[in-house]
Amino acid sequence: MVQRKASDESERVTQNLLQCGELTELCLELRLAVLRQECPEEEARRRLWRDIIQAKERAWQRNHS
């Protein structure tokens, strides 16, 4: 019984991690769609990457300050 609960928990965690990746992908697509309304495709993708890098830098600074 304990082993089954551990297996169920492991499956639940796995599913949550997979959904997290899907949500991230959907959020990036949504942000890109908004940027495409404001500027040409190439510039939109450039801005998206810049946003990602800035968010990662802010997160890193919070964790290391």
C-alpha atoms as a PDB file:
ATOM      1  CA  MET A   1       0.000   0.000   0.000  1.00  0.00           C
ATOM      2  CA  VAL A   2       2.787   2.462   0.872  1.00  0.00           C
ATOM      3  CA  GLN A   3       4.582   1.634  -2.368  1.00  0.00           C
ATOM      4  CA  ARG A   4       1.402   2.314  -4.345  1.00  0.00           C
ATOM      5  CA  LYS A   5       0.998   5.718  -2.661  1.00  0.00           C
ATOM      6  CA  ALA A   6       4.594   6.568  -3.536  1.00  0.00           C
ATOM      7  CA  SER A   7       3.963   5.491  -7.120  1.00  0.00           C
ATOM      8  CA  ASP A   8       0.770   7.585  -7.282  1.00  0.00           C
ATOM      9  CA  GLU A   9       2.632  10.575  -5.850  1.00  0.00           C
ATOM     10  CA  SER A  10       5.434  10.126  -8.365  1.00  0.00           C
ATOM     11  CA  GLU A  11       2.923   9.995 -11.222  1.00  0.00           C
ATOM     12  CA  ARG A  12       1.195  13.136  -9.931  1.00  0.00           C
ATOM     13  CA  VAL A  13       4.493  15.024  -9.733  1.00  0.00           C
ATOM     14  CA  THR A  14       5.419  13.878 -13.235  1.00  0.00           C
ATOM     15  CA  GLN A  15       2.101  15.081 -14.639  1.00  0.00           C
ATOM     16  CA  ASN A  16       2.448  18.446 -12.884  1.00  0.00           C
ATOM     17  CA  LEU A  17       5.932  18.945 -14.328  1.00  0.00           C
ATOM     18  CA  LEU A  18       4.707  18.130 -17.820  1.00  0.00           C
ATOM     19  CA  GLN A  19       1.831  20.583 -17.465  1.00  0.00           C
ATOM     20  CA  CYS A  20       4.226  23.256 -16.211  1.00  0.00           C
ATOM     21  CA  GLY A  21       6.193  22.959 -19.457  1.00  0.00           C
ATOM     22  CA  GLU A  22       3.015  23.173 -21.503  1.00  0.00           C
ATOM     23  CA  LEU A  23       1.889  26.276 -19.603  1.00  0.00           C
ATOM     24  CA  THR A  24       5.268  27.909 -20.160  1.00  0.00           C
ATOM     25  CA  GLU A  25       5.032  27.200 -23.873  1.00  0.00           C
ATOM     26  CA  LEU A  26       1.512  28.646 -24.015  1.00  0.00           C
ATOM     27  CA  CYS A  27       2.595  31.770 -22.108  1.00  0.00           C
ATOM     28  CA  LEU A  28       5.484  32.332 -24.494  1.00  0.00           C
ATOM     29  CA  GLU A  29       3.191  31.941 -27.506  1.00  0.00           C
ATOM     30  CA  LEU A  30       0.727  34.393 -25.984  1.00  0.00           C
ATOM     31  CA  ARG A  31       3.465  36.955 -25.286  1.00  0.00           C
ATOM     32  CA  LEU A  32       4.796  36.533 -28.823  1.00  0.00           C
ATOM     33  CA  ALA A  33       1.300  37.077 -30.260  1.00  0.00           C
ATOM     34  CA  VAL A  34       0.991  40.333 -28.304  1.00  0.00           C
ATOM     35  CA  LEU A  35       4.418  41.493 -29.464  1.00  0.00           C
ATOM     36  CA  ARG A  36       3.553  40.666 -33.095  1.00  0.00           C
ATOM     37  CA  GLN A  37       0.713  43.177 -32.893  1.00  0.00           C
ATOM     38  CA  GLU A  38       3.191  45.860 -31.885  1.00  0.00           C
ATOM     39  CA  CYS A  39       6.081  45.161 -34.258  1.00  0.00           C
ATOM     40  CA  PRO A  40       7.323  42.949 -37.123  1.00  0.00           C
ATOM     41  CA  GLU A  41       7.985  39.238 -36.545  1.00  0.00           C
ATOM     42  CA  GLU A  42      11.766  39.483 -36.214  1.00  0.00           C
ATOM     43  CA  GLU A  43      11.578  42.332 -33.711  1.00  0.00           C
ATOM     44  CA  ALA A  44       8.832  40.509 -31.768  1.00  0.00           C
ATOM     45  CA  ARG A  45      11.040  37.440 -31.388  1.00  0.00           C
ATOM     46  CA  ARG A  46      13.984  39.628 -30.371  1.00  0.00           C
ATOM     47  CA  ARG A  47      11.861  41.313 -27.696  1.00  0.00           C
ATOM     48  CA  LEU A  48      10.586  37.969 -26.452  1.00  0.00           C
ATOM     49  CA  TRP A  49      14.152  36.691 -25.964  1.00  0.00           C
ATOM     50  CA  ARG A  50      15.105  39.952 -24.263  1.00  0.00           C
ATOM     51  CA  ASP A  51      12.122  39.564 -21.892  1.00  0.00           C
ATOM     52  CA  ILE A  52      13.151  35.989 -21.081  1.00  0.00           C
ATOM     53  CA  ILE A  53      16.749  36.977 -20.378  1.00  0.00           C
ATOM     54  CA  GLN A  54      15.724  39.907 -18.187  1.00  0.00           C
ATOM     55  CA  ALA A  55      13.299  37.730 -16.193  1.00  0.00           C
ATOM     56  CA  LYS A  56      15.998  35.112 -15.622  1.00  0.00           C
ATOM     57  CA  GLU A  57      18.484  37.789 -14.538  1.00  0.00           C
ATOM     58  CA  ARG A  58      15.976  39.254 -12.066  1.00  0.00           C
ATOM     59  CA  ALA A  59      15.253  35.806 -10.642  1.00  0.00           C
ATOM     60  CA  TRP A  60      18.969  35.046 -10.338  1.00  0.00           C
ATOM     61  CA  GLN A  61      19.603  38.359  -8.561  1.00  0.00           C
ATOM     62  CA  ARG A  62      16.771  37.739  -6.093  1.00  0.00           C
ATOM     63  CA  ASN A  63      18.166  34.303  -5.284  1.00  0.00           C
ATOM     64  CA  HIS A  64      21.718  35.555  -4.840  1.00  0.00           C
ATOM     65  CA  SER A  65      21.175  38.764  -2.903  1.00  0.00           C
END
